[in-house]
Amino acid sequence: MSEPAIVVQNLVKTFQSRRESIRAVDDLSFSVQRGSIFGLLGPNGAGKTTTLRIMTTLSRPTSGSVQVLGHDVVKAPLDVRRRIGVVIQEQAADLLLNVRDNLLTFARFHGKSGPAVRARAEDAMTQFGIDDVADRKVQDLSGGMRRRVQVAKMFMIDAPVMFLDEFSSGMDAILKRSVMDLLRAQAAQGRTIVLTTQILSEAEELCDDILIIDKGRRVAHGDLNALKLLTSRLYDVTLSFDRVPDDLQSLVAAYAPERMTVAHNTVQLRLRDEESRVLDLVAALARRGRILRVEIAGASLEDVFVELTQRTESQP
C-alpha cells in the first residue's frame, strides 16, 4: 500500500479566552489514503473546521503534526499549498471580480493560463450552473451561488489533494448529485478528497473512510460498515398488510420497539435487538395477516452519528 496522502499525529489546537484555555482539537490522530474520499464529521463546534484550517496551512497547531504528501504544514507550508485546493466554509470568493475572472484568476495563481484554461472555465461554469451569471460580480450573487463559484474553482486545477468544507451548501438536489458524481470521478483518477458535511446522507454515499469527532476528540473512525458495527443492533422495519392484525400491539410489545407508527395498512417499527429476533417478529406478524410488502433496514450513518455523539455528551 502506498504512503497515505495525509498523516495527522497527536494534533492539538487551543484558544485562550479571558477565563480559560479552550481545546478545539484534542490529541487527534488519523491518516487519509491516496485516491480516497475522506469524511470529517461532527456536530457544530466539534473542531472540524479548525482541523481543516490546520491541514491547509491556514492555522498553526498548538502541538502535534500534519503532513500532506510528505510535507509538514508548519515547516513547509508553501510546498503543501502547491499541492492542495481548498474550499473553506467562511472563505469568500473574490467579490469584486466577475464569475469568469474568479475562475481564471484562481487558475493563474496555480500557474495555468491560455485558451485551454479559458475553455476549462467555460466547462466548469456550465457544470455548476453559473454560466448565465459569468459576467456578474460575485458580490452581487446569493450565498448559494457564491458557494458554486468556490467549488467550481477546484475543477480549474489538478492539485492532488482537495479540501471541501460543506461543499453542497446552496446547491439544489440535481446539481448536488452532479457534483457528487464529479467528486467520485476525481477520486477514481487518484485525487484525494477531504470533506466535511452536515448532510450525513452525502457522507454515507460518498466517503470511503469516515472520522467522527466531538469536542475536538476522535469518537470513531472507519468505513461505513465498520462504523455501523459500533452501535447497538438497530433496525427499521416497514410492513404493509392487506389488513393490520388486531393483536399487533400485544405481539410487538414483547420486542420493546423504540418507535411504532401505523398509517392506513402500513406499520413502521424501530427495533434495537438481535437480527434473529427481528426476523422472528416479522414471521409472527406474517402468521397474523397477509403481508404485501416488507422492508428491513439497518442503522444509517445518521443513526450511528447521533448515538456516538450522544455518548460523548454523557461523558465528563
C-alpha atoms as a PDB file:
ATOM      1  CA  MET A   1       0.000   0.000   0.000  1.00  0.00           C
ATOM      2  CA  SER A   2       1.307   3.483  -0.877  1.00  0.00           C
ATOM      3  CA  GLU A   3       2.056   6.065   1.771  1.00  0.00           C
ATOM      4  CA  PRO A   4      -1.031   7.981   2.988  1.00  0.00           C
ATOM      5  CA  ALA A   5      -1.753  11.336   1.373  1.00  0.00           C
ATOM      6  CA  ILE A   6      -2.262  12.930   4.797  1.00  0.00           C
ATOM      7  CA  VAL A   7      -0.922  11.932   8.219  1.00  0.00           C
ATOM      8  CA  VAL A   8      -2.173  13.708  11.354  1.00  0.00           C
ATOM      9  CA  GLN A   9      -0.421  12.873  14.630  1.00  0.00           C
ATOM     10  CA  ASN A  10      -1.432  13.985  18.130  1.00  0.00           C
ATOM     11  CA  LEU A  11      -2.873  17.247  16.832  1.00  0.00           C
ATOM     12  CA  VAL A  12      -3.812  19.853  19.442  1.00  0.00           C
ATOM     13  CA  LYS A  13      -5.197  23.350  18.954  1.00  0.00           C
ATOM     14  CA  THR A  14      -6.045  25.570  21.900  1.00  0.00           C
ATOM     15  CA  PHE A  15      -7.567  29.038  22.030  1.00  0.00           C
ATOM     16  CA  GLN A  16      -7.087  31.288  25.007  1.00  0.00           C
ATOM     17  CA  SER A  17     -10.069  33.187  26.366  1.00  0.00           C
ATOM     18  CA  ARG A  18     -10.026  35.562  29.309  1.00  0.00           C
ATOM     19  CA  ARG A  19     -11.090  32.839  31.705  1.00  0.00           C
ATOM     20  CA  GLU A  20      -9.741  29.603  30.288  1.00  0.00           C
ATOM     21  CA  SER A  21      -7.855  27.736  27.610  1.00  0.00           C
ATOM     22  CA  ILE A  22     -10.205  26.011  25.148  1.00  0.00           C
ATOM     23  CA  ARG A  23      -9.097  22.853  23.325  1.00  0.00           C
ATOM     24  CA  ALA A  24     -10.740  22.981  19.909  1.00  0.00           C
ATOM     25  CA  VAL A  25      -8.717  19.952  18.755  1.00  0.00           C
ATOM     26  CA  ASP A  26      -7.638  17.455  21.385  1.00  0.00           C
ATOM     27  CA  ASP A  27      -4.893  14.904  20.569  1.00  0.00           C
ATOM     28  CA  LEU A  28      -6.299  13.918  17.176  1.00  0.00           C
ATOM     29  CA  SER A  29      -4.526  11.287  15.053  1.00  0.00           C
ATOM     30  CA  PHE A  30      -5.606   9.787  11.720  1.00  0.00           C
ATOM     31  CA  SER A  31      -4.450   9.256   8.148  1.00  0.00           C
ATOM     32  CA  VAL A  32      -6.074   9.664   4.730  1.00  0.00           C
ATOM     33  CA  GLN A  33      -5.268   7.227   1.937  1.00  0.00           C
ATOM     34  CA  ARG A  34      -4.402   8.474  -1.536  1.00  0.00           C
ATOM     35  CA  GLY A  35      -7.256   8.494  -4.019  1.00  0.00           C
ATOM     36  CA  SER A  36      -9.927   8.217  -1.327  1.00  0.00           C
ATOM     37  CA  ILE A  37     -12.839  10.408  -0.269  1.00  0.00           C
ATOM     38  CA  PHE A  38     -12.443  11.058   3.443  1.00  0.00           C
ATOM     39  CA  GLY A  39     -15.298  12.436   5.534  1.00  0.00           C
ATOM     40  CA  LEU A  40     -14.613  14.507   8.658  1.00  0.00           C
ATOM     41  CA  LEU A  41     -17.893  14.620  10.580  1.00  0.00           C
ATOM     42  CA  GLY A  42     -19.072  16.027  13.879  1.00  0.00           C
ATOM     43  CA  PRO A  43     -21.697  18.269  15.455  1.00  0.00           C
ATOM     44  CA  ASN A  44     -21.388  22.061  15.368  1.00  0.00           C
ATOM     45  CA  GLY A  45     -18.359  23.133  17.362  1.00  0.00           C
ATOM     46  CA  ALA A  46     -16.732  19.696  17.189  1.00  0.00           C
ATOM     47  CA  GLY A  47     -13.471  21.076  15.755  1.00  0.00           C
ATOM     48  CA  LYS A  48     -13.935  20.073  12.095  1.00  0.00           C
ATOM     49  CA  THR A  49     -13.199  23.440  10.508  1.00  0.00           C
ATOM     50  CA  THR A  50     -10.306  24.111  12.911  1.00  0.00           C
ATOM     51  CA  THR A  51      -8.770  20.777  11.910  1.00  0.00           C
ATOM     52  CA  LEU A  52      -9.293  21.588   8.235  1.00  0.00           C
ATOM     53  CA  ARG A  53      -7.665  25.005   8.653  1.00  0.00           C
ATOM     54  CA  ILE A  54      -4.570  23.421  10.193  1.00  0.00           C
ATOM     55  CA  MET A  55      -4.375  20.776   7.460  1.00  0.00           C
ATOM     56  CA  THR A  56      -4.499  23.513   4.803  1.00  0.00           C
ATOM     57  CA  THR A  57      -1.872  25.792   6.493  1.00  0.00           C
ATOM     58  CA  LEU A  58      -4.439  28.479   7.357  1.00  0.00           C
ATOM     59  CA  SER A  59      -3.899  27.978  11.090  1.00  0.00           C
ATOM     60  CA  ARG A  60      -0.935  26.714  13.127  1.00  0.00           C
ATOM     61  CA  PRO A  61      -1.332  23.818  15.547  1.00  0.00           C
ATOM     62  CA  THR A  62      -0.556  24.262  19.218  1.00  0.00           C
ATOM     63  CA  SER A  63       1.206  20.887  19.135  1.00  0.00           C
ATOM     64  CA  GLY A  64       1.299  17.734  17.067  1.00  0.00           C
ATOM     65  CA  SER A  65       1.946  17.477  13.342  1.00  0.00           C
ATOM     66  CA  VAL A  66       0.246  17.249   9.953  1.00  0.00           C
ATOM     67  CA  GLN A  67       1.941  16.056   6.782  1.00  0.00           C
ATOM     68  CA  VAL A  68       0.368  16.419   3.343  1.00  0.00           C
ATOM     69  CA  LEU A  69       2.038  14.333   0.640  1.00  0.00           C
ATOM     70  CA  GLY A  70       5.120  14.160   2.857  1.00  0.00           C
ATOM     71  CA  HIS A  71       5.324  17.903   3.566  1.00  0.00           C
ATOM     72  CA  ASP A  72       4.847  19.336   7.055  1.00  0.00           C
ATOM     73  CA  VAL A  73       2.182  22.060   7.198  1.00  0.00           C
ATOM     74  CA  VAL A  74       4.298  24.163   9.610  1.00  0.00           C
ATOM     75  CA  LYS A  75       7.805  23.547   8.276  1.00  0.00           C
ATOM     76  CA  ALA A  76       6.937  23.584   4.564  1.00  0.00           C
ATOM     77  CA  PRO A  77       3.620  25.422   4.110  1.00  0.00           C
ATOM     78  CA  LEU A  78       4.385  26.585   0.547  1.00  0.00           C
ATOM     79  CA  ASP A  79       5.078  23.015  -0.559  1.00  0.00           C
ATOM     80  CA  VAL A  80       1.735  21.990   0.929  1.00  0.00           C
ATOM     81  CA  ARG A  81      -0.152  24.851  -0.731  1.00  0.00           C
ATOM     82  CA  ARG A  82       1.239  23.936  -4.146  1.00  0.00           C
ATOM     83  CA  ARG A  83      -0.353  20.519  -3.819  1.00  0.00           C
ATOM     84  CA  ILE A  84      -3.814  21.335  -2.466  1.00  0.00           C
ATOM     85  CA  GLY A  85      -7.061  23.023  -3.446  1.00  0.00           C
ATOM     86  CA  VAL A  86      -9.221  24.449  -0.674  1.00  0.00           C
ATOM     87  CA  VAL A  87     -12.843  25.483  -0.173  1.00  0.00           C
ATOM     88  CA  ILE A  88     -13.266  26.537   3.460  1.00  0.00           C
ATOM     89  CA  GLN A  89     -16.764  27.498   4.592  1.00  0.00           C
ATOM     90  CA  GLU A  90     -16.094  31.117   5.544  1.00  0.00           C
ATOM     91  CA  GLN A  91     -13.648  31.800   2.724  1.00  0.00           C
ATOM     92  CA  ALA A  92     -15.207  34.306   0.315  1.00  0.00           C
ATOM     93  CA  ALA A  93     -14.629  34.288  -3.418  1.00  0.00           C
ATOM     94  CA  ASP A  94     -13.029  37.421  -4.812  1.00  0.00           C
ATOM     95  CA  LEU A  95     -16.104  39.589  -4.512  1.00  0.00           C
ATOM     96  CA  LEU A  96     -15.134  42.380  -6.900  1.00  0.00           C
ATOM     97  CA  LEU A  97     -14.317  40.037  -9.791  1.00  0.00           C
ATOM     98  CA  ASN A  98     -16.944  38.542 -12.017  1.00  0.00           C
ATOM     99  CA  VAL A  99     -17.518  34.780 -12.011  1.00  0.00           C
ATOM    100  CA  ARG A 100     -15.417  34.027 -15.091  1.00  0.00           C
ATOM    101  CA  ASP A 101     -12.484  36.100 -13.831  1.00  0.00           C
ATOM    102  CA  ASN A 102     -12.684  34.345 -10.454  1.00  0.00           C
ATOM    103  CA  LEU A 103     -12.035  31.023 -12.131  1.00  0.00           C
ATOM    104  CA  LEU A 104      -9.361  32.330 -14.498  1.00  0.00           C
ATOM    105  CA  THR A 105      -7.534  34.252 -11.749  1.00  0.00           C
ATOM    106  CA  PHE A 106      -7.563  31.196  -9.481  1.00  0.00           C
ATOM    107  CA  ALA A 107      -6.064  29.137 -12.317  1.00  0.00           C
ATOM    108  CA  ARG A 108      -3.342  31.758 -12.890  1.00  0.00           C
ATOM    109  CA  PHE A 109      -2.415  31.622  -9.203  1.00  0.00           C
ATOM    110  CA  HIS A 110      -1.710  27.945  -9.824  1.00  0.00           C
ATOM    111  CA  GLY A 111       0.375  28.632 -12.944  1.00  0.00           C
ATOM    112  CA  LYS A 112      -2.284  27.907 -15.555  1.00  0.00           C
ATOM    113  CA  SER A 113      -3.428  30.218 -18.368  1.00  0.00           C
ATOM    114  CA  GLY A 114      -4.179  30.268 -22.080  1.00  0.00           C
ATOM    115  CA  PRO A 115      -7.010  29.097 -24.345  1.00  0.00           C
ATOM    116  CA  ALA A 116      -7.244  25.622 -22.793  1.00  0.00           C
ATOM    117  CA  VAL A 117      -7.784  27.146 -19.360  1.00  0.00           C
ATOM    118  CA  ARG A 118     -10.448  29.531 -20.680  1.00  0.00           C
ATOM    119  CA  ALA A 119     -12.235  26.566 -22.241  1.00  0.00           C
ATOM    120  CA  ARG A 120     -11.951  24.723 -18.933  1.00  0.00           C
ATOM    121  CA  ALA A 121     -13.537  27.693 -17.162  1.00  0.00           C
ATOM    122  CA  GLU A 122     -16.485  27.650 -19.567  1.00  0.00           C
ATOM    123  CA  ASP A 123     -16.960  23.925 -18.947  1.00  0.00           C
ATOM    124  CA  ALA A 124     -16.784  24.386 -15.162  1.00  0.00           C
ATOM    125  CA  MET A 125     -19.330  27.210 -15.233  1.00  0.00           C
ATOM    126  CA  THR A 126     -21.710  25.050 -17.256  1.00  0.00           C
ATOM    127  CA  GLN A 127     -21.256  22.088 -14.909  1.00  0.00           C
ATOM    128  CA  PHE A 128     -22.055  24.234 -11.874  1.00  0.00           C
ATOM    129  CA  GLY A 129     -24.925  26.163 -13.410  1.00  0.00           C
ATOM    130  CA  ILE A 130     -23.194  29.546 -13.194  1.00  0.00           C
ATOM    131  CA  ASP A 131     -22.623  30.167 -16.902  1.00  0.00           C
ATOM    132  CA  ASP A 132     -25.603  32.526 -17.075  1.00  0.00           C
ATOM    133  CA  VAL A 133     -24.003  34.788 -14.407  1.00  0.00           C
ATOM    134  CA  ALA A 134     -20.466  34.546 -15.804  1.00  0.00           C
ATOM    135  CA  ASP A 135     -20.148  38.322 -16.217  1.00  0.00           C
ATOM    136  CA  ARG A 136     -21.708  39.303 -12.873  1.00  0.00           C
ATOM    137  CA  LYS A 137     -19.593  40.286  -9.895  1.00  0.00           C
ATOM    138  CA  VAL A 138     -19.544  37.660  -7.183  1.00  0.00           C
ATOM    139  CA  GLN A 139     -20.552  40.261  -4.578  1.00  0.00           C
ATOM    140  CA  ASP A 140     -23.917  40.543  -6.374  1.00  0.00           C
ATOM    141  CA  LEU A 141     -24.685  36.821  -6.133  1.00  0.00           C
ATOM    142  CA  SER A 142     -26.556  34.901  -3.450  1.00  0.00           C
ATOM    143  CA  GLY A 143     -24.663  32.900  -0.848  1.00  0.00           C
ATOM    144  CA  GLY A 144     -25.510  29.654  -2.603  1.00  0.00           C
ATOM    145  CA  MET A 145     -24.238  30.908  -5.957  1.00  0.00           C
ATOM    146  CA  ARG A 146     -21.026  32.129  -4.339  1.00  0.00           C
ATOM    147  CA  ARG A 147     -20.512  28.619  -2.986  1.00  0.00           C
ATOM    148  CA  ARG A 148     -20.900  27.227  -6.503  1.00  0.00           C
ATOM    149  CA  VAL A 149     -18.168  29.593  -7.701  1.00  0.00           C
ATOM    150  CA  GLN A 150     -15.839  28.450  -4.931  1.00  0.00           C
ATOM    151  CA  VAL A 151     -16.333  24.748  -5.624  1.00  0.00           C
ATOM    152  CA  ALA A 152     -16.049  25.290  -9.389  1.00  0.00           C
ATOM    153  CA  LYS A 153     -12.549  26.679  -8.785  1.00  0.00           C
ATOM    154  CA  MET A 154     -11.404  23.238  -7.642  1.00  0.00           C
ATOM    155  CA  PHE A 155     -12.073  21.942 -11.141  1.00  0.00           C
ATOM    156  CA  MET A 156      -9.789  24.572 -12.672  1.00  0.00           C
ATOM    157  CA  ILE A 157      -6.670  22.958 -11.220  1.00  0.00           C
ATOM    158  CA  ASP A 158      -5.199  19.479 -10.888  1.00  0.00           C
ATOM    159  CA  ALA A 159      -3.986  19.693  -7.277  1.00  0.00           C
ATOM    160  CA  PRO A 160      -3.682  16.110  -5.974  1.00  0.00           C
ATOM    161  CA  VAL A 161      -5.463  16.893  -2.684  1.00  0.00           C
ATOM    162  CA  MET A 162      -8.775  18.757  -2.368  1.00  0.00           C
ATOM    163  CA  PHE A 163     -10.356  20.072   0.851  1.00  0.00           C
ATOM    164  CA  LEU A 164     -14.067  20.892   0.829  1.00  0.00           C
ATOM    165  CA  ASP A 165     -15.924  22.352   3.811  1.00  0.00           C
ATOM    166  CA  GLU A 166     -19.719  21.965   3.375  1.00  0.00           C
ATOM    167  CA  PHE A 167     -19.309  21.722  -0.410  1.00  0.00           C
ATOM    168  CA  SER A 168     -23.028  21.328  -1.208  1.00  0.00           C
ATOM    169  CA  SER A 169     -24.266  24.393   0.678  1.00  0.00           C
ATOM    170  CA  GLY A 170     -26.714  26.284  -1.535  1.00  0.00           C
ATOM    171  CA  MET A 171     -26.915  23.596  -4.234  1.00  0.00           C
ATOM    172  CA  ASP A 172     -30.198  22.136  -5.409  1.00  0.00           C
ATOM    173  CA  ALA A 173     -30.646  18.359  -5.456  1.00  0.00           C
ATOM    174  CA  ILE A 174     -29.860  17.948  -9.164  1.00  0.00           C
ATOM    175  CA  LEU A 175     -26.654  19.991  -9.045  1.00  0.00           C
ATOM    176  CA  LYS A 176     -25.541  18.318  -5.813  1.00  0.00           C
ATOM    177  CA  ARG A 177     -25.982  14.903  -7.420  1.00  0.00           C
ATOM    178  CA  SER A 178     -23.916  16.025 -10.410  1.00  0.00           C
ATOM    179  CA  VAL A 179     -21.129  17.391  -8.202  1.00  0.00           C
ATOM    180  CA  MET A 180     -21.053  14.161  -6.172  1.00  0.00           C
ATOM    181  CA  ASP A 181     -20.572  12.240  -9.418  1.00  0.00           C
ATOM    182  CA  LEU A 182     -17.722  14.599 -10.340  1.00  0.00           C
ATOM    183  CA  LEU A 183     -16.058  14.033  -6.964  1.00  0.00           C
ATOM    184  CA  ARG A 184     -16.283  10.253  -7.345  1.00  0.00           C
ATOM    185  CA  ALA A 185     -14.692  10.530 -10.791  1.00  0.00           C
ATOM    186  CA  GLN A 186     -11.888  12.698  -9.393  1.00  0.00           C
ATOM    187  CA  ALA A 187     -11.147  10.157  -6.656  1.00  0.00           C
ATOM    188  CA  ALA A 188     -11.187   7.316  -9.201  1.00  0.00           C
ATOM    189  CA  GLN A 189      -8.477   9.199 -11.096  1.00  0.00           C
ATOM    190  CA  GLY A 190      -6.312   9.317  -7.955  1.00  0.00           C
ATOM    191  CA  ARG A 191      -7.252  12.650  -6.408  1.00  0.00           C
ATOM    192  CA  THR A 192      -7.578  12.658  -2.611  1.00  0.00           C
ATOM    193  CA  ILE A 193     -10.648  14.485  -1.285  1.00  0.00           C
ATOM    194  CA  VAL A 194     -11.250  15.545   2.311  1.00  0.00           C
ATOM    195  CA  LEU A 195     -14.704  16.912   3.058  1.00  0.00           C
ATOM    196  CA  THR A 196     -16.916  17.984   5.910  1.00  0.00           C
ATOM    197  CA  THR A 197     -20.690  17.997   5.704  1.00  0.00           C
ATOM    198  CA  GLN A 198     -23.710  18.321   7.959  1.00  0.00           C
ATOM    199  CA  ILE A 199     -25.731  16.256   5.476  1.00  0.00           C
ATOM    200  CA  LEU A 200     -24.903  12.750   6.595  1.00  0.00           C
ATOM    201  CA  SER A 201     -26.552  11.068   3.617  1.00  0.00           C
ATOM    202  CA  GLU A 202     -23.877  12.748   1.452  1.00  0.00           C
ATOM    203  CA  ALA A 203     -21.098  11.234   3.529  1.00  0.00           C
ATOM    204  CA  GLU A 204     -22.839   7.862   3.508  1.00  0.00           C
ATOM    205  CA  GLU A 205     -22.937   7.880  -0.304  1.00  0.00           C
ATOM    206  CA  LEU A 206     -19.548   9.467  -0.982  1.00  0.00           C
ATOM    207  CA  CYS A 207     -16.989   8.571   1.643  1.00  0.00           C
ATOM    208  CA  ASP A 208     -14.612   5.617   1.599  1.00  0.00           C
ATOM    209  CA  ASP A 209     -13.461   6.437   5.128  1.00  0.00           C
ATOM    210  CA  ILE A 210     -15.124   8.477   7.879  1.00  0.00           C
ATOM    211  CA  LEU A 211     -13.805  10.103  11.050  1.00  0.00           C
ATOM    212  CA  ILE A 212     -16.367  11.316  13.599  1.00  0.00           C
ATOM    213  CA  ILE A 213     -15.095  13.839  16.128  1.00  0.00           C
ATOM    214  CA  ASP A 214     -16.730  15.652  19.020  1.00  0.00           C
ATOM    215  CA  LYS A 215     -15.258  18.262  21.344  1.00  0.00           C
ATOM    216  CA  GLY A 216     -12.061  18.016  19.312  1.00  0.00           C
ATOM    217  CA  ARG A 217     -11.638  14.324  20.074  1.00  0.00           C
ATOM    218  CA  ARG A 218     -11.895  11.227  17.947  1.00  0.00           C
ATOM    219  CA  VAL A 219     -15.175   9.383  18.543  1.00  0.00           C
ATOM    220  CA  ALA A 220     -14.991   6.761  15.787  1.00  0.00           C
ATOM    221  CA  HIS A 221     -13.046   6.061  12.592  1.00  0.00           C
ATOM    222  CA  GLY A 222     -13.581   3.557   9.791  1.00  0.00           C
ATOM    223  CA  ASP A 223     -15.591   2.781   6.702  1.00  0.00           C
ATOM    224  CA  LEU A 224     -19.378   2.857   6.840  1.00  0.00           C
ATOM    225  CA  ASN A 225     -19.771  -0.835   7.647  1.00  0.00           C
ATOM    226  CA  ALA A 226     -17.236  -0.664  10.478  1.00  0.00           C
ATOM    227  CA  LEU A 227     -18.977   2.362  11.997  1.00  0.00           C
ATOM    228  CA  LYS A 228     -22.350   0.649  11.897  1.00  0.00           C
ATOM    229  CA  LEU A 229     -20.936  -2.196  13.977  1.00  0.00           C
ATOM    230  CA  LEU A 230     -20.141   0.278  16.769  1.00  0.00           C
ATOM    231  CA  THR A 231     -23.800   0.889  17.535  1.00  0.00           C
ATOM    232  CA  SER A 232     -26.208  -1.493  19.177  1.00  0.00           C
ATOM    233  CA  ARG A 233     -28.243  -3.514  16.677  1.00  0.00           C
ATOM    234  CA  LEU A 234     -30.761  -1.085  15.245  1.00  0.00           C
ATOM    235  CA  TYR A 235     -33.346  -1.943  12.596  1.00  0.00           C
ATOM    236  CA  ASP A 236     -36.112  -0.059  10.826  1.00  0.00           C
ATOM    237  CA  VAL A 237     -38.885  -2.426   9.755  1.00  0.00           C
ATOM    238  CA  THR A 238     -41.724  -1.462   7.381  1.00  0.00           C
ATOM    239  CA  LEU A 239     -44.639  -3.867   6.833  1.00  0.00           C
ATOM    240  CA  SER A 240     -47.667  -3.329   4.595  1.00  0.00           C
ATOM    241  CA  PHE A 241     -50.673  -5.607   5.259  1.00  0.00           C
ATOM    242  CA  ASP A 242     -53.896  -6.192   3.421  1.00  0.00           C
ATOM    243  CA  ARG A 243     -55.343  -5.700   6.920  1.00  0.00           C
ATOM    244  CA  VAL A 244     -53.380  -4.787  10.052  1.00  0.00           C
ATOM    245  CA  PRO A 245     -53.618  -7.620  12.645  1.00  0.00           C
ATOM    246  CA  ASP A 246     -55.926  -6.886  15.581  1.00  0.00           C
ATOM    247  CA  ASP A 247     -53.308  -8.110  18.091  1.00  0.00           C
ATOM    248  CA  LEU A 248     -50.461  -6.026  16.615  1.00  0.00           C
ATOM    249  CA  GLN A 249     -49.815  -4.111  19.838  1.00  0.00           C
ATOM    250  CA  SER A 250     -49.512  -7.227  22.014  1.00  0.00           C
ATOM    251  CA  LEU A 251     -47.265  -9.007  19.514  1.00  0.00           C
ATOM    252  CA  VAL A 252     -44.885  -6.078  19.168  1.00  0.00           C
ATOM    253  CA  ALA A 253     -44.815  -5.123  22.857  1.00  0.00           C
ATOM    254  CA  ALA A 254     -42.514  -8.039  23.743  1.00  0.00           C
ATOM    255  CA  TYR A 255     -39.848  -6.551  21.464  1.00  0.00           C
ATOM    256  CA  ALA A 256     -39.953  -3.093  23.124  1.00  0.00           C
ATOM    257  CA  PRO A 257     -39.847  -1.021  19.930  1.00  0.00           C
ATOM    258  CA  GLU A 258     -38.247   2.405  20.200  1.00  0.00           C
ATOM    259  CA  ARG A 259     -40.837   3.703  17.776  1.00  0.00           C
ATOM    260  CA  MET A 260     -44.004   2.368  16.152  1.00  0.00           C
ATOM    261  CA  THR A 261     -46.352   4.129  13.745  1.00  0.00           C
ATOM    262  CA  VAL A 262     -49.385   2.795  11.920  1.00  0.00           C
ATOM    263  CA  ALA A 263     -50.690   4.633   8.858  1.00  0.00           C
ATOM    264  CA  HIS A 264     -53.530   3.005   6.958  1.00  0.00           C
ATOM    265  CA  ASN A 265     -52.263  -0.576   6.471  1.00  0.00           C
ATOM    266  CA  THR A 266     -48.538   0.182   6.870  1.00  0.00           C
ATOM    267  CA  VAL A 267     -46.668  -0.416  10.118  1.00  0.00           C
ATOM    268  CA  GLN A 268     -43.241   1.131  10.781  1.00  0.00           C
ATOM    269  CA  LEU A 269     -41.089  -0.105  13.659  1.00  0.00           C
ATOM    270  CA  ARG A 270     -37.697   0.808  15.032  1.00  0.00           C
ATOM    271  CA  LEU A 271     -36.199  -2.082  16.975  1.00  0.00           C
ATOM    272  CA  ARG A 272     -32.942  -2.395  18.886  1.00  0.00           C
ATOM    273  CA  ASP A 273     -32.477  -6.141  19.048  1.00  0.00           C
ATOM    274  CA  GLU A 274     -30.685  -9.128  17.537  1.00  0.00           C
ATOM    275  CA  GLU A 275     -31.322  -9.746  13.859  1.00  0.00           C
ATOM    276  CA  SER A 276     -32.773 -13.196  14.561  1.00  0.00           C
ATOM    277  CA  ARG A 277     -35.400 -11.737  16.898  1.00  0.00           C
ATOM    278  CA  VAL A 278     -36.354  -9.081  14.355  1.00  0.00           C
ATOM    279  CA  LEU A 279     -36.933 -11.830  11.792  1.00  0.00           C
ATOM    280  CA  ASP A 280     -38.916 -13.814  14.368  1.00  0.00           C
ATOM    281  CA  LEU A 281     -41.223 -10.822  14.851  1.00  0.00           C
ATOM    282  CA  VAL A 282     -41.748 -10.437  11.099  1.00  0.00           C
ATOM    283  CA  ALA A 283     -42.580 -14.159  10.862  1.00  0.00           C
ATOM    284  CA  ALA A 284     -45.035 -13.893  13.772  1.00  0.00           C
ATOM    285  CA  LEU A 285     -46.777 -10.932  12.136  1.00  0.00           C
ATOM    286  CA  ALA A 286     -46.945 -12.796   8.817  1.00  0.00           C
ATOM    287  CA  ARG A 287     -48.875 -15.558  10.546  1.00  0.00           C
ATOM    288  CA  ARG A 288     -51.454 -12.983  11.741  1.00  0.00           C
ATOM    289  CA  GLY A 289     -52.149 -11.331   8.394  1.00  0.00           C
ATOM    290  CA  ARG A 290     -51.200 -11.208   4.746  1.00  0.00           C
ATOM    291  CA  ILE A 291     -48.066  -9.091   4.235  1.00  0.00           C
ATOM    292  CA  LEU A 292     -47.934  -7.226   0.924  1.00  0.00           C
ATOM    293  CA  ARG A 293     -44.519  -5.647   1.427  1.00  0.00           C
ATOM    294  CA  VAL A 294     -41.699  -5.909   3.954  1.00  0.00           C
ATOM    295  CA  GLU A 295     -38.518  -3.842   4.261  1.00  0.00           C
ATOM    296  CA  ILE A 296     -35.811  -4.245   6.894  1.00  0.00           C
ATOM    297  CA  ALA A 297     -33.017  -1.662   7.002  1.00  0.00           C
ATOM    298  CA  GLY A 298     -30.031  -1.474   9.319  1.00  0.00           C
ATOM    299  CA  ALA A 299     -28.678   1.632  11.018  1.00  0.00           C
ATOM    300  CA  SER A 300     -27.952   4.616   8.792  1.00  0.00           C
ATOM    301  CA  LEU A 301     -24.907   6.821   9.194  1.00  0.00           C
ATOM    302  CA  GLU A 302     -27.193   9.379  10.836  1.00  0.00           C
ATOM    303  CA  ASP A 303     -28.224   6.775  13.437  1.00  0.00           C
ATOM    304  CA  VAL A 304     -24.555   5.963  14.111  1.00  0.00           C
ATOM    305  CA  PHE A 305     -23.614   9.633  14.306  1.00  0.00           C
ATOM    306  CA  VAL A 306     -26.383  10.517  16.768  1.00  0.00           C
ATOM    307  CA  GLU A 307     -25.692   7.558  19.023  1.00  0.00           C
ATOM    308  CA  LEU A 308     -21.924   8.039  19.148  1.00  0.00           C
ATOM    309  CA  THR A 309     -22.034  11.793  19.711  1.00  0.00           C
ATOM    310  CA  GLN A 310     -24.686  11.434  22.379  1.00  0.00           C
ATOM    311  CA  ARG A 311     -22.373   9.024  24.170  1.00  0.00           C
ATOM    312  CA  THR A 312     -19.655  11.668  24.303  1.00  0.00           C
ATOM    313  CA  GLU A 313     -22.123  14.241  25.645  1.00  0.00           C
ATOM    314  CA  SER A 314     -22.891  11.947  28.574  1.00  0.00           C
ATOM    315  CA  GLN A 315     -19.208  11.552  29.409  1.00  0.00           C
ATOM    316  CA  PRO A 316     -17.449  14.061  31.679  1.00  0.00           C
END
